[in-house]
């Protein structure tokens, strides 16, 4: 579930409050 959340954050991107790469997440 945490892995899914990480990829969700990458999908949102930094502009959307997430991260631009999975490494950053």
PDBML (XML) file of the C-alpha atoms, coordinates in Angstrom:
<?xml version="1.0" encoding="UTF-8" ?>
<PDBx:datablock datablockName="MODEL"
   xmlns:PDBx="http://pdbml.pdb.org/schema/pdbx-v50.xsd"
   xmlns:xsi="http://www.w3.org/2001/XMLSchema-instance"
   xsi:schemaLocation="http://pdbml.pdb.org/schema/pdbx-v50.xsd pdbx-v50.xsd">
   <PDBx:atom_siteCategory>
      <PDBx:atom_site id="1">
         <PDBx:B_iso_or_equiv>0.00</PDBx:B_iso_or_equiv>
         <PDBx:Cartn_x>0.000</PDBx:Cartn_x>
         <PDBx:Cartn_y>0.000</PDBx:Cartn_y>
         <PDBx:Cartn_z>0.000</PDBx:Cartn_z>
         <PDBx:auth_asym_id>A</PDBx:auth_asym_id>
         <PDBx:auth_atom_id>CA</PDBx:auth_atom_id>
         <PDBx:auth_comp_id>UNK</PDBx:auth_comp_id>
         <PDBx:auth_seq_id>1</PDBx:auth_seq_id>
         <PDBx:group_PDB>ATOM</PDBx:group_PDB>
         <PDBx:label_alt_id xsi:nil="true" />
         <PDBx:label_asym_id>A</PDBx:label_asym_id>
         <PDBx:label_atom_id>CA</PDBx:label_atom_id>
         <PDBx:label_comp_id>UNK</PDBx:label_comp_id>
         <PDBx:label_entity_id>1</PDBx:label_entity_id>
         <PDBx:label_seq_id>1</PDBx:label_seq_id>
         <PDBx:occupancy>1.00</PDBx:occupancy>
         <PDBx:pdbx_PDB_model_num>1</PDBx:pdbx_PDB_model_num>
         <PDBx:type_symbol>C</PDBx:type_symbol>
      </PDBx:atom_site>
      <PDBx:atom_site id="2">
         <PDBx:B_iso_or_equiv>0.00</PDBx:B_iso_or_equiv>
         <PDBx:Cartn_x>2.863</PDBx:Cartn_x>
         <PDBx:Cartn_y>2.372</PDBx:Cartn_y>
         <PDBx:Cartn_z>0.778</PDBx:Cartn_z>
         <PDBx:auth_asym_id>A</PDBx:auth_asym_id>
         <PDBx:auth_atom_id>CA</PDBx:auth_atom_id>
         <PDBx:auth_comp_id>UNK</PDBx:auth_comp_id>
         <PDBx:auth_seq_id>2</PDBx:auth_seq_id>
         <PDBx:group_PDB>ATOM</PDBx:group_PDB>
         <PDBx:label_alt_id xsi:nil="true" />
         <PDBx:label_asym_id>A</PDBx:label_asym_id>
         <PDBx:label_atom_id>CA</PDBx:label_atom_id>
         <PDBx:label_comp_id>UNK</PDBx:label_comp_id>
         <PDBx:label_entity_id>1</PDBx:label_entity_id>
         <PDBx:label_seq_id>2</PDBx:label_seq_id>
         <PDBx:occupancy>1.00</PDBx:occupancy>
         <PDBx:pdbx_PDB_model_num>1</PDBx:pdbx_PDB_model_num>
         <PDBx:type_symbol>C</PDBx:type_symbol>
      </PDBx:atom_site>
      <PDBx:atom_site id="3">
         <PDBx:B_iso_or_equiv>0.00</PDBx:B_iso_or_equiv>
         <PDBx:Cartn_x>4.397</PDBx:Cartn_x>
         <PDBx:Cartn_y>1.574</PDBx:Cartn_y>
         <PDBx:Cartn_z>-2.596</PDBx:Cartn_z>
         <PDBx:auth_asym_id>A</PDBx:auth_asym_id>
         <PDBx:auth_atom_id>CA</PDBx:auth_atom_id>
         <PDBx:auth_comp_id>UNK</PDBx:auth_comp_id>
         <PDBx:auth_seq_id>3</PDBx:auth_seq_id>
         <PDBx:group_PDB>ATOM</PDBx:group_PDB>
         <PDBx:label_alt_id xsi:nil="true" />
         <PDBx:label_asym_id>A</PDBx:label_asym_id>
         <PDBx:label_atom_id>CA</PDBx:label_atom_id>
         <PDBx:label_comp_id>UNK</PDBx:label_comp_id>
         <PDBx:label_entity_id>1</PDBx:label_entity_id>
         <PDBx:label_seq_id>3</PDBx:label_seq_id>
         <PDBx:occupancy>1.00</PDBx:occupancy>
         <PDBx:pdbx_PDB_model_num>1</PDBx:pdbx_PDB_model_num>
         <PDBx:type_symbol>C</PDBx:type_symbol>
      </PDBx:atom_site>
      <PDBx:atom_site id="4">
         <PDBx:B_iso_or_equiv>0.00</PDBx:B_iso_or_equiv>
         <PDBx:Cartn_x>1.108</PDBx:Cartn_x>
         <PDBx:Cartn_y>2.447</PDBx:Cartn_y>
         <PDBx:Cartn_z>-4.291</PDBx:Cartn_z>
         <PDBx:auth_asym_id>A</PDBx:auth_asym_id>
         <PDBx:auth_atom_id>CA</PDBx:auth_atom_id>
         <PDBx:auth_comp_id>UNK</PDBx:auth_comp_id>
         <PDBx:auth_seq_id>4</PDBx:auth_seq_id>
         <PDBx:group_PDB>ATOM</PDBx:group_PDB>
         <PDBx:label_alt_id xsi:nil="true" />
         <PDBx:label_asym_id>A</PDBx:label_asym_id>
         <PDBx:label_atom_id>CA</PDBx:label_atom_id>
         <PDBx:label_comp_id>UNK</PDBx:label_comp_id>
         <PDBx:label_entity_id>1</PDBx:label_entity_id>
         <PDBx:label_seq_id>4</PDBx:label_seq_id>
         <PDBx:occupancy>1.00</PDBx:occupancy>
         <PDBx:pdbx_PDB_model_num>1</PDBx:pdbx_PDB_model_num>
         <PDBx:type_symbol>C</PDBx:type_symbol>
      </PDBx:atom_site>
      <PDBx:atom_site id="5">
         <PDBx:B_iso_or_equiv>0.00</PDBx:B_iso_or_equiv>
         <PDBx:Cartn_x>0.986</PDBx:Cartn_x>
         <PDBx:Cartn_y>5.714</PDBx:Cartn_y>
         <PDBx:Cartn_z>-2.360</PDBx:Cartn_z>
         <PDBx:auth_asym_id>A</PDBx:auth_asym_id>
         <PDBx:auth_atom_id>CA</PDBx:auth_atom_id>
         <PDBx:auth_comp_id>UNK</PDBx:auth_comp_id>
         <PDBx:auth_seq_id>5</PDBx:auth_seq_id>
         <PDBx:group_PDB>ATOM</PDBx:group_PDB>
         <PDBx:label_alt_id xsi:nil="true" />
         <PDBx:label_asym_id>A</PDBx:label_asym_id>
         <PDBx:label_atom_id>CA</PDBx:label_atom_id>
         <PDBx:label_comp_id>UNK</PDBx:label_comp_id>
         <PDBx:label_entity_id>1</PDBx:label_entity_id>
         <PDBx:label_seq_id>5</PDBx:label_seq_id>
         <PDBx:occupancy>1.00</PDBx:occupancy>
         <PDBx:pdbx_PDB_model_num>1</PDBx:pdbx_PDB_model_num>
         <PDBx:type_symbol>C</PDBx:type_symbol>
      </PDBx:atom_site>
      <PDBx:atom_site id="6">
         <PDBx:B_iso_or_equiv>0.00</PDBx:B_iso_or_equiv>
         <PDBx:Cartn_x>4.516</PDBx:Cartn_x>
         <PDBx:Cartn_y>6.540</PDBx:Cartn_y>
         <PDBx:Cartn_z>-3.506</PDBx:Cartn_z>
         <PDBx:auth_asym_id>A</PDBx:auth_asym_id>
         <PDBx:auth_atom_id>CA</PDBx:auth_atom_id>
         <PDBx:auth_comp_id>UNK</PDBx:auth_comp_id>
         <PDBx:auth_seq_id>6</PDBx:auth_seq_id>
         <PDBx:group_PDB>ATOM</PDBx:group_PDB>
         <PDBx:label_alt_id xsi:nil="true" />
         <PDBx:label_asym_id>A</PDBx:label_asym_id>
         <PDBx:label_atom_id>CA</PDBx:label_atom_id>
         <PDBx:label_comp_id>UNK</PDBx:label_comp_id>
         <PDBx:label_entity_id>1</PDBx:label_entity_id>
         <PDBx:label_seq_id>6</PDBx:label_seq_id>
         <PDBx:occupancy>1.00</PDBx:occupancy>
         <PDBx:pdbx_PDB_model_num>1</PDBx:pdbx_PDB_model_num>
         <PDBx:type_symbol>C</PDBx:type_symbol>
      </PDBx:atom_site>
      <PDBx:atom_site id="7">
         <PDBx:B_iso_or_equiv>0.00</PDBx:B_iso_or_equiv>
         <PDBx:Cartn_x>3.638</PDBx:Cartn_x>
         <PDBx:Cartn_y>6.032</PDBx:Cartn_y>
         <PDBx:Cartn_z>-7.153</PDBx:Cartn_z>
         <PDBx:auth_asym_id>A</PDBx:auth_asym_id>
         <PDBx:auth_atom_id>CA</PDBx:auth_atom_id>
         <PDBx:auth_comp_id>UNK</PDBx:auth_comp_id>
         <PDBx:auth_seq_id>7</PDBx:auth_seq_id>
         <PDBx:group_PDB>ATOM</PDBx:group_PDB>
         <PDBx:label_alt_id xsi:nil="true" />
         <PDBx:label_asym_id>A</PDBx:label_asym_id>
         <PDBx:label_atom_id>CA</PDBx:label_atom_id>
         <PDBx:label_comp_id>UNK</PDBx:label_comp_id>
         <PDBx:label_entity_id>1</PDBx:label_entity_id>
         <PDBx:label_seq_id>7</PDBx:label_seq_id>
         <PDBx:occupancy>1.00</PDBx:occupancy>
         <PDBx:pdbx_PDB_model_num>1</PDBx:pdbx_PDB_model_num>
         <PDBx:type_symbol>C</PDBx:type_symbol>
      </PDBx:atom_site>
      <PDBx:atom_site id="8">
         <PDBx:B_iso_or_equiv>0.00</PDBx:B_iso_or_equiv>
         <PDBx:Cartn_x>0.476</PDBx:Cartn_x>
         <PDBx:Cartn_y>8.068</PDBx:Cartn_y>
         <PDBx:Cartn_z>-6.623</PDBx:Cartn_z>
         <PDBx:auth_asym_id>A</PDBx:auth_asym_id>
         <PDBx:auth_atom_id>CA</PDBx:auth_atom_id>
         <PDBx:auth_comp_id>UNK</PDBx:auth_comp_id>
         <PDBx:auth_seq_id>8</PDBx:auth_seq_id>
         <PDBx:group_PDB>ATOM</PDBx:group_PDB>
         <PDBx:label_alt_id xsi:nil="true" />
         <PDBx:label_asym_id>A</PDBx:label_asym_id>
         <PDBx:label_atom_id>CA</PDBx:label_atom_id>
         <PDBx:label_comp_id>UNK</PDBx:label_comp_id>
         <PDBx:label_entity_id>1</PDBx:label_entity_id>
         <PDBx:label_seq_id>8</PDBx:label_seq_id>
         <PDBx:occupancy>1.00</PDBx:occupancy>
         <PDBx:pdbx_PDB_model_num>1</PDBx:pdbx_PDB_model_num>
         <PDBx:type_symbol>C</PDBx:type_symbol>
      </PDBx:atom_site>
      <PDBx:atom_site id="9">
         <PDBx:B_iso_or_equiv>0.00</PDBx:B_iso_or_equiv>
         <PDBx:Cartn_x>2.647</PDBx:Cartn_x>
         <PDBx:Cartn_y>10.900</PDBx:Cartn_y>
         <PDBx:Cartn_z>-5.319</PDBx:Cartn_z>
         <PDBx:auth_asym_id>A</PDBx:auth_asym_id>
         <PDBx:auth_atom_id>CA</PDBx:auth_atom_id>
         <PDBx:auth_comp_id>UNK</PDBx:auth_comp_id>
         <PDBx:auth_seq_id>9</PDBx:auth_seq_id>
         <PDBx:group_PDB>ATOM</PDBx:group_PDB>
         <PDBx:label_alt_id xsi:nil="true" />
         <PDBx:label_asym_id>A</PDBx:label_asym_id>
         <PDBx:label_atom_id>CA</PDBx:label_atom_id>
         <PDBx:label_comp_id>UNK</PDBx:label_comp_id>
         <PDBx:label_entity_id>1</PDBx:label_entity_id>
         <PDBx:label_seq_id>9</PDBx:label_seq_id>
         <PDBx:occupancy>1.00</PDBx:occupancy>
         <PDBx:pdbx_PDB_model_num>1</PDBx:pdbx_PDB_model_num>
         <PDBx:type_symbol>C</PDBx:type_symbol>
      </PDBx:atom_site>
      <PDBx:atom_site id="10">
         <PDBx:B_iso_or_equiv>0.00</PDBx:B_iso_or_equiv>
         <PDBx:Cartn_x>4.847</PDBx:Cartn_x>
         <PDBx:Cartn_y>10.593</PDBx:Cartn_y>
         <PDBx:Cartn_z>-8.424</PDBx:Cartn_z>
         <PDBx:auth_asym_id>A</PDBx:auth_asym_id>
         <PDBx:auth_atom_id>CA</PDBx:auth_atom_id>
         <PDBx:auth_comp_id>UNK</PDBx:auth_comp_id>
         <PDBx:auth_seq_id>10</PDBx:auth_seq_id>
         <PDBx:group_PDB>ATOM</PDBx:group_PDB>
         <PDBx:label_alt_id xsi:nil="true" />
         <PDBx:label_asym_id>A</PDBx:label_asym_id>
         <PDBx:label_atom_id>CA</PDBx:label_atom_id>
         <PDBx:label_comp_id>UNK</PDBx:label_comp_id>
         <PDBx:label_entity_id>1</PDBx:label_entity_id>
         <PDBx:label_seq_id>10</PDBx:label_seq_id>
         <PDBx:occupancy>1.00</PDBx:occupancy>
         <PDBx:pdbx_PDB_model_num>1</PDBx:pdbx_PDB_model_num>
         <PDBx:type_symbol>C</PDBx:type_symbol>
      </PDBx:atom_site>
      <PDBx:atom_site id="11">
         <PDBx:B_iso_or_equiv>0.00</PDBx:B_iso_or_equiv>
         <PDBx:Cartn_x>1.773</PDBx:Cartn_x>
         <PDBx:Cartn_y>10.682</PDBx:Cartn_y>
         <PDBx:Cartn_z>-10.650</PDBx:Cartn_z>
         <PDBx:auth_asym_id>A</PDBx:auth_asym_id>
         <PDBx:auth_atom_id>CA</PDBx:auth_atom_id>
         <PDBx:auth_comp_id>UNK</PDBx:auth_comp_id>
         <PDBx:auth_seq_id>11</PDBx:auth_seq_id>
         <PDBx:group_PDB>ATOM</PDBx:group_PDB>
         <PDBx:label_alt_id xsi:nil="true" />
         <PDBx:label_asym_id>A</PDBx:label_asym_id>
         <PDBx:label_atom_id>CA</PDBx:label_atom_id>
         <PDBx:label_comp_id>UNK</PDBx:label_comp_id>
         <PDBx:label_entity_id>1</PDBx:label_entity_id>
         <PDBx:label_seq_id>11</PDBx:label_seq_id>
         <PDBx:occupancy>1.00</PDBx:occupancy>
         <PDBx:pdbx_PDB_model_num>1</PDBx:pdbx_PDB_model_num>
         <PDBx:type_symbol>C</PDBx:type_symbol>
      </PDBx:atom_site>
      <PDBx:atom_site id="12">
         <PDBx:B_iso_or_equiv>0.00</PDBx:B_iso_or_equiv>
         <PDBx:Cartn_x>0.744</PDBx:Cartn_x>
         <PDBx:Cartn_y>13.932</PDBx:Cartn_y>
         <PDBx:Cartn_z>-8.978</PDBx:Cartn_z>
         <PDBx:auth_asym_id>A</PDBx:auth_asym_id>
         <PDBx:auth_atom_id>CA</PDBx:auth_atom_id>
         <PDBx:auth_comp_id>UNK</PDBx:auth_comp_id>
         <PDBx:auth_seq_id>12</PDBx:auth_seq_id>
         <PDBx:group_PDB>ATOM</PDBx:group_PDB>
         <PDBx:label_alt_id xsi:nil="true" />
         <PDBx:label_asym_id>A</PDBx:label_asym_id>
         <PDBx:label_atom_id>CA</PDBx:label_atom_id>
         <PDBx:label_comp_id>UNK</PDBx:label_comp_id>
         <PDBx:label_entity_id>1</PDBx:label_entity_id>
         <PDBx:label_seq_id>12</PDBx:label_seq_id>
         <PDBx:occupancy>1.00</PDBx:occupancy>
         <PDBx:pdbx_PDB_model_num>1</PDBx:pdbx_PDB_model_num>
         <PDBx:type_symbol>C</PDBx:type_symbol>
      </PDBx:atom_site>
      <PDBx:atom_site id="13">
         <PDBx:B_iso_or_equiv>0.00</PDBx:B_iso_or_equiv>
         <PDBx:Cartn_x>4.215</PDBx:Cartn_x>
         <PDBx:Cartn_y>15.365</PDBx:Cartn_y>
         <PDBx:Cartn_z>-9.459</PDBx:Cartn_z>
         <PDBx:auth_asym_id>A</PDBx:auth_asym_id>
         <PDBx:auth_atom_id>CA</PDBx:auth_atom_id>
         <PDBx:auth_comp_id>UNK</PDBx:auth_comp_id>
         <PDBx:auth_seq_id>13</PDBx:auth_seq_id>
         <PDBx:group_PDB>ATOM</PDBx:group_PDB>
         <PDBx:label_alt_id xsi:nil="true" />
         <PDBx:label_asym_id>A</PDBx:label_asym_id>
         <PDBx:label_atom_id>CA</PDBx:label_atom_id>
         <PDBx:label_comp_id>UNK</PDBx:label_comp_id>
         <PDBx:label_entity_id>1</PDBx:label_entity_id>
         <PDBx:label_seq_id>13</PDBx:label_seq_id>
         <PDBx:occupancy>1.00</PDBx:occupancy>
         <PDBx:pdbx_PDB_model_num>1</PDBx:pdbx_PDB_model_num>
         <PDBx:type_symbol>C</PDBx:type_symbol>
      </PDBx:atom_site>
      <PDBx:atom_site id="14">
         <PDBx:B_iso_or_equiv>0.00</PDBx:B_iso_or_equiv>
         <PDBx:Cartn_x>5.860</PDBx:Cartn_x>
         <PDBx:Cartn_y>18.112</PDBx:Cartn_y>
         <PDBx:Cartn_z>-7.448</PDBx:Cartn_z>
         <PDBx:auth_asym_id>A</PDBx:auth_asym_id>
         <PDBx:auth_atom_id>CA</PDBx:auth_atom_id>
         <PDBx:auth_comp_id>UNK</PDBx:auth_comp_id>
         <PDBx:auth_seq_id>14</PDBx:auth_seq_id>
         <PDBx:group_PDB>ATOM</PDBx:group_PDB>
         <PDBx:label_alt_id xsi:nil="true" />
         <PDBx:label_asym_id>A</PDBx:label_asym_id>
         <PDBx:label_atom_id>CA</PDBx:label_atom_id>
         <PDBx:label_comp_id>UNK</PDBx:label_comp_id>
         <PDBx:label_entity_id>1</PDBx:label_entity_id>
         <PDBx:label_seq_id>14</PDBx:label_seq_id>
         <PDBx:occupancy>1.00</PDBx:occupancy>
         <PDBx:pdbx_PDB_model_num>1</PDBx:pdbx_PDB_model_num>
         <PDBx:type_symbol>C</PDBx:type_symbol>
      </PDBx:atom_site>
      <PDBx:atom_site id="15">
         <PDBx:B_iso_or_equiv>0.00</PDBx:B_iso_or_equiv>
         <PDBx:Cartn_x>3.399</PDBx:Cartn_x>
         <PDBx:Cartn_y>20.672</PDBx:Cartn_y>
         <PDBx:Cartn_z>-8.836</PDBx:Cartn_z>
         <PDBx:auth_asym_id>A</PDBx:auth_asym_id>
         <PDBx:auth_atom_id>CA</PDBx:auth_atom_id>
         <PDBx:auth_comp_id>UNK</PDBx:auth_comp_id>
         <PDBx:auth_seq_id>15</PDBx:auth_seq_id>
         <PDBx:group_PDB>ATOM</PDBx:group_PDB>
         <PDBx:label_alt_id xsi:nil="true" />
         <PDBx:label_asym_id>A</PDBx:label_asym_id>
         <PDBx:label_atom_id>CA</PDBx:label_atom_id>
         <PDBx:label_comp_id>UNK</PDBx:label_comp_id>
         <PDBx:label_entity_id>1</PDBx:label_entity_id>
         <PDBx:label_seq_id>15</PDBx:label_seq_id>
         <PDBx:occupancy>1.00</PDBx:occupancy>
         <PDBx:pdbx_PDB_model_num>1</PDBx:pdbx_PDB_model_num>
         <PDBx:type_symbol>C</PDBx:type_symbol>
      </PDBx:atom_site>
      <PDBx:atom_site id="16">
         <PDBx:B_iso_or_equiv>0.00</PDBx:B_iso_or_equiv>
         <PDBx:Cartn_x>0.539</PDBx:Cartn_x>
         <PDBx:Cartn_y>18.604</PDBx:Cartn_y>
         <PDBx:Cartn_z>-7.490</PDBx:Cartn_z>
         <PDBx:auth_asym_id>A</PDBx:auth_asym_id>
         <PDBx:auth_atom_id>CA</PDBx:auth_atom_id>
         <PDBx:auth_comp_id>UNK</PDBx:auth_comp_id>
         <PDBx:auth_seq_id>16</PDBx:auth_seq_id>
         <PDBx:group_PDB>ATOM</PDBx:group_PDB>
         <PDBx:label_alt_id xsi:nil="true" />
         <PDBx:label_asym_id>A</PDBx:label_asym_id>
         <PDBx:label_atom_id>CA</PDBx:label_atom_id>
         <PDBx:label_comp_id>UNK</PDBx:label_comp_id>
         <PDBx:label_entity_id>1</PDBx:label_entity_id>
         <PDBx:label_seq_id>16</PDBx:label_seq_id>
         <PDBx:occupancy>1.00</PDBx:occupancy>
         <PDBx:pdbx_PDB_model_num>1</PDBx:pdbx_PDB_model_num>
         <PDBx:type_symbol>C</PDBx:type_symbol>
      </PDBx:atom_site>
      <PDBx:atom_site id="17">
         <PDBx:B_iso_or_equiv>0.00</PDBx:B_iso_or_equiv>
         <PDBx:Cartn_x>2.062</PDBx:Cartn_x>
         <PDBx:Cartn_y>18.237</PDBx:Cartn_y>
         <PDBx:Cartn_z>-4.042</PDBx:Cartn_z>
         <PDBx:auth_asym_id>A</PDBx:auth_asym_id>
         <PDBx:auth_atom_id>CA</PDBx:auth_atom_id>
         <PDBx:auth_comp_id>UNK</PDBx:auth_comp_id>
         <PDBx:auth_seq_id>17</PDBx:auth_seq_id>
         <PDBx:group_PDB>ATOM</PDBx:group_PDB>
         <PDBx:label_alt_id xsi:nil="true" />
         <PDBx:label_asym_id>A</PDBx:label_asym_id>
         <PDBx:label_atom_id>CA</PDBx:label_atom_id>
         <PDBx:label_comp_id>UNK</PDBx:label_comp_id>
         <PDBx:label_entity_id>1</PDBx:label_entity_id>
         <PDBx:label_seq_id>17</PDBx:label_seq_id>
         <PDBx:occupancy>1.00</PDBx:occupancy>
         <PDBx:pdbx_PDB_model_num>1</PDBx:pdbx_PDB_model_num>
         <PDBx:type_symbol>C</PDBx:type_symbol>
      </PDBx:atom_site>
      <PDBx:atom_site id="18">
         <PDBx:B_iso_or_equiv>0.00</PDBx:B_iso_or_equiv>
         <PDBx:Cartn_x>3.935</PDBx:Cartn_x>
         <PDBx:Cartn_y>15.031</PDBx:Cartn_y>
         <PDBx:Cartn_z>-4.761</PDBx:Cartn_z>
         <PDBx:auth_asym_id>A</PDBx:auth_asym_id>
         <PDBx:auth_atom_id>CA</PDBx:auth_atom_id>
         <PDBx:auth_comp_id>UNK</PDBx:auth_comp_id>
         <PDBx:auth_seq_id>18</PDBx:auth_seq_id>
         <PDBx:group_PDB>ATOM</PDBx:group_PDB>
         <PDBx:label_alt_id xsi:nil="true" />
         <PDBx:label_asym_id>A</PDBx:label_asym_id>
         <PDBx:label_atom_id>CA</PDBx:label_atom_id>
         <PDBx:label_comp_id>UNK</PDBx:label_comp_id>
         <PDBx:label_entity_id>1</PDBx:label_entity_id>
         <PDBx:label_seq_id>18</PDBx:label_seq_id>
         <PDBx:occupancy>1.00</PDBx:occupancy>
         <PDBx:pdbx_PDB_model_num>1</PDBx:pdbx_PDB_model_num>
         <PDBx:type_symbol>C</PDBx:type_symbol>
      </PDBx:atom_site>
      <PDBx:atom_site id="19">
         <PDBx:B_iso_or_equiv>0.00</PDBx:B_iso_or_equiv>
         <PDBx:Cartn_x>7.305</PDBx:Cartn_x>
         <PDBx:Cartn_y>14.130</PDBx:Cartn_y>
         <PDBx:Cartn_z>-6.209</PDBx:Cartn_z>
         <PDBx:auth_asym_id>A</PDBx:auth_asym_id>
         <PDBx:auth_atom_id>CA</PDBx:auth_atom_id>
         <PDBx:auth_comp_id>UNK</PDBx:auth_comp_id>
         <PDBx:auth_seq_id>19</PDBx:auth_seq_id>
         <PDBx:group_PDB>ATOM</PDBx:group_PDB>
         <PDBx:label_alt_id xsi:nil="true" />
         <PDBx:label_asym_id>A</PDBx:label_asym_id>
         <PDBx:label_atom_id>CA</PDBx:label_atom_id>
         <PDBx:label_comp_id>UNK</PDBx:label_comp_id>
         <PDBx:label_entity_id>1</PDBx:label_entity_id>
         <PDBx:label_seq_id>19</PDBx:label_seq_id>
         <PDBx:occupancy>1.00</PDBx:occupancy>
         <PDBx:pdbx_PDB_model_num>1</PDBx:pdbx_PDB_model_num>
         <PDBx:type_symbol>C</PDBx:type_symbol>
      </PDBx:atom_site>
      <PDBx:atom_site id="20">
         <PDBx:B_iso_or_equiv>0.00</PDBx:B_iso_or_equiv>
         <PDBx:Cartn_x>8.772</PDBx:Cartn_x>
         <PDBx:Cartn_y>14.050</PDBx:Cartn_y>
         <PDBx:Cartn_z>-9.705</PDBx:Cartn_z>
         <PDBx:auth_asym_id>A</PDBx:auth_asym_id>
         <PDBx:auth_atom_id>CA</PDBx:auth_atom_id>
         <PDBx:auth_comp_id>UNK</PDBx:auth_comp_id>
         <PDBx:auth_seq_id>20</PDBx:auth_seq_id>
         <PDBx:group_PDB>ATOM</PDBx:group_PDB>
         <PDBx:label_alt_id xsi:nil="true" />
         <PDBx:label_asym_id>A</PDBx:label_asym_id>
         <PDBx:label_atom_id>CA</PDBx:label_atom_id>
         <PDBx:label_comp_id>UNK</PDBx:label_comp_id>
         <PDBx:label_entity_id>1</PDBx:label_entity_id>
         <PDBx:label_seq_id>20</PDBx:label_seq_id>
         <PDBx:occupancy>1.00</PDBx:occupancy>
         <PDBx:pdbx_PDB_model_num>1</PDBx:pdbx_PDB_model_num>
         <PDBx:type_symbol>C</PDBx:type_symbol>
      </PDBx:atom_site>
      <PDBx:atom_site id="21">
         <PDBx:B_iso_or_equiv>0.00</PDBx:B_iso_or_equiv>
         <PDBx:Cartn_x>10.598</PDBx:Cartn_x>
         <PDBx:Cartn_y>10.702</PDBx:Cartn_y>
         <PDBx:Cartn_z>-9.391</PDBx:Cartn_z>
         <PDBx:auth_asym_id>A</PDBx:auth_asym_id>
         <PDBx:auth_atom_id>CA</PDBx:auth_atom_id>
         <PDBx:auth_comp_id>UNK</PDBx:auth_comp_id>
         <PDBx:auth_seq_id>21</PDBx:auth_seq_id>
         <PDBx:group_PDB>ATOM</PDBx:group_PDB>
         <PDBx:label_alt_id xsi:nil="true" />
         <PDBx:label_asym_id>A</PDBx:label_asym_id>
         <PDBx:label_atom_id>CA</PDBx:label_atom_id>
         <PDBx:label_comp_id>UNK</PDBx:label_comp_id>
         <PDBx:label_entity_id>1</PDBx:label_entity_id>
         <PDBx:label_seq_id>21</PDBx:label_seq_id>
         <PDBx:occupancy>1.00</PDBx:occupancy>
         <PDBx:pdbx_PDB_model_num>1</PDBx:pdbx_PDB_model_num>
         <PDBx:type_symbol>C</PDBx:type_symbol>
      </PDBx:atom_site>
      <PDBx:atom_site id="22">
         <PDBx:B_iso_or_equiv>0.00</PDBx:B_iso_or_equiv>
         <PDBx:Cartn_x>10.076</PDBx:Cartn_x>
         <PDBx:Cartn_y>7.499</PDBx:Cartn_y>
         <PDBx:Cartn_z>-7.470</PDBx:Cartn_z>
         <PDBx:auth_asym_id>A</PDBx:auth_asym_id>
         <PDBx:auth_atom_id>CA</PDBx:auth_atom_id>
         <PDBx:auth_comp_id>UNK</PDBx:auth_comp_id>
         <PDBx:auth_seq_id>22</PDBx:auth_seq_id>
         <PDBx:group_PDB>ATOM</PDBx:group_PDB>
         <PDBx:label_alt_id xsi:nil="true" />
         <PDBx:label_asym_id>A</PDBx:label_asym_id>
         <PDBx:label_atom_id>CA</PDBx:label_atom_id>
         <PDBx:label_comp_id>UNK</PDBx:label_comp_id>
         <PDBx:label_entity_id>1</PDBx:label_entity_id>
         <PDBx:label_seq_id>22</PDBx:label_seq_id>
         <PDBx:occupancy>1.00</PDBx:occupancy>
         <PDBx:pdbx_PDB_model_num>1</PDBx:pdbx_PDB_model_num>
         <PDBx:type_symbol>C</PDBx:type_symbol>
      </PDBx:atom_site>
      <PDBx:atom_site id="23">
         <PDBx:B_iso_or_equiv>0.00</PDBx:B_iso_or_equiv>
         <PDBx:Cartn_x>13.518</PDBx:Cartn_x>
         <PDBx:Cartn_y>7.957</PDBx:Cartn_y>
         <PDBx:Cartn_z>-5.919</PDBx:Cartn_z>
         <PDBx:auth_asym_id>A</PDBx:auth_asym_id>
         <PDBx:auth_atom_id>CA</PDBx:auth_atom_id>
         <PDBx:auth_comp_id>UNK</PDBx:auth_comp_id>
         <PDBx:auth_seq_id>23</PDBx:auth_seq_id>
         <PDBx:group_PDB>ATOM</PDBx:group_PDB>
         <PDBx:label_alt_id xsi:nil="true" />
         <PDBx:label_asym_id>A</PDBx:label_asym_id>
         <PDBx:label_atom_id>CA</PDBx:label_atom_id>
         <PDBx:label_comp_id>UNK</PDBx:label_comp_id>
         <PDBx:label_entity_id>1</PDBx:label_entity_id>
         <PDBx:label_seq_id>23</PDBx:label_seq_id>
         <PDBx:occupancy>1.00</PDBx:occupancy>
         <PDBx:pdbx_PDB_model_num>1</PDBx:pdbx_PDB_model_num>
         <PDBx:type_symbol>C</PDBx:type_symbol>
      </PDBx:atom_site>
      <PDBx:atom_site id="24">
         <PDBx:B_iso_or_equiv>0.00</PDBx:B_iso_or_equiv>
         <PDBx:Cartn_x>12.373</PDBx:Cartn_x>
         <PDBx:Cartn_y>11.254</PDBx:Cartn_y>
         <PDBx:Cartn_z>-4.382</PDBx:Cartn_z>
         <PDBx:auth_asym_id>A</PDBx:auth_asym_id>
         <PDBx:auth_atom_id>CA</PDBx:auth_atom_id>
         <PDBx:auth_comp_id>UNK</PDBx:auth_comp_id>
         <PDBx:auth_seq_id>24</PDBx:auth_seq_id>
         <PDBx:group_PDB>ATOM</PDBx:group_PDB>
         <PDBx:label_alt_id xsi:nil="true" />
         <PDBx:label_asym_id>A</PDBx:label_asym_id>
         <PDBx:label_atom_id>CA</PDBx:label_atom_id>
         <PDBx:label_comp_id>UNK</PDBx:label_comp_id>
         <PDBx:label_entity_id>1</PDBx:label_entity_id>
         <PDBx:label_seq_id>24</PDBx:label_seq_id>
         <PDBx:occupancy>1.00</PDBx:occupancy>
         <PDBx:pdbx_PDB_model_num>1</PDBx:pdbx_PDB_model_num>
         <PDBx:type_symbol>C</PDBx:type_symbol>
      </PDBx:atom_site>
      <PDBx:atom_site id="25">
         <PDBx:B_iso_or_equiv>0.00</PDBx:B_iso_or_equiv>
         <PDBx:Cartn_x>9.173</PDBx:Cartn_x>
         <PDBx:Cartn_y>9.643</PDBx:Cartn_y>
         <PDBx:Cartn_z>-3.118</PDBx:Cartn_z>
         <PDBx:auth_asym_id>A</PDBx:auth_asym_id>
         <PDBx:auth_atom_id>CA</PDBx:auth_atom_id>
         <PDBx:auth_comp_id>UNK</PDBx:auth_comp_id>
         <PDBx:auth_seq_id>25</PDBx:auth_seq_id>
         <PDBx:group_PDB>ATOM</PDBx:group_PDB>
         <PDBx:label_alt_id xsi:nil="true" />
         <PDBx:label_asym_id>A</PDBx:label_asym_id>
         <PDBx:label_atom_id>CA</PDBx:label_atom_id>
         <PDBx:label_comp_id>UNK</PDBx:label_comp_id>
         <PDBx:label_entity_id>1</PDBx:label_entity_id>
         <PDBx:label_seq_id>25</PDBx:label_seq_id>
         <PDBx:occupancy>1.00</PDBx:occupancy>
         <PDBx:pdbx_PDB_model_num>1</PDBx:pdbx_PDB_model_num>
         <PDBx:type_symbol>C</PDBx:type_symbol>
      </PDBx:atom_site>
   </PDBx:atom_siteCategory>
</PDBx:datablock>
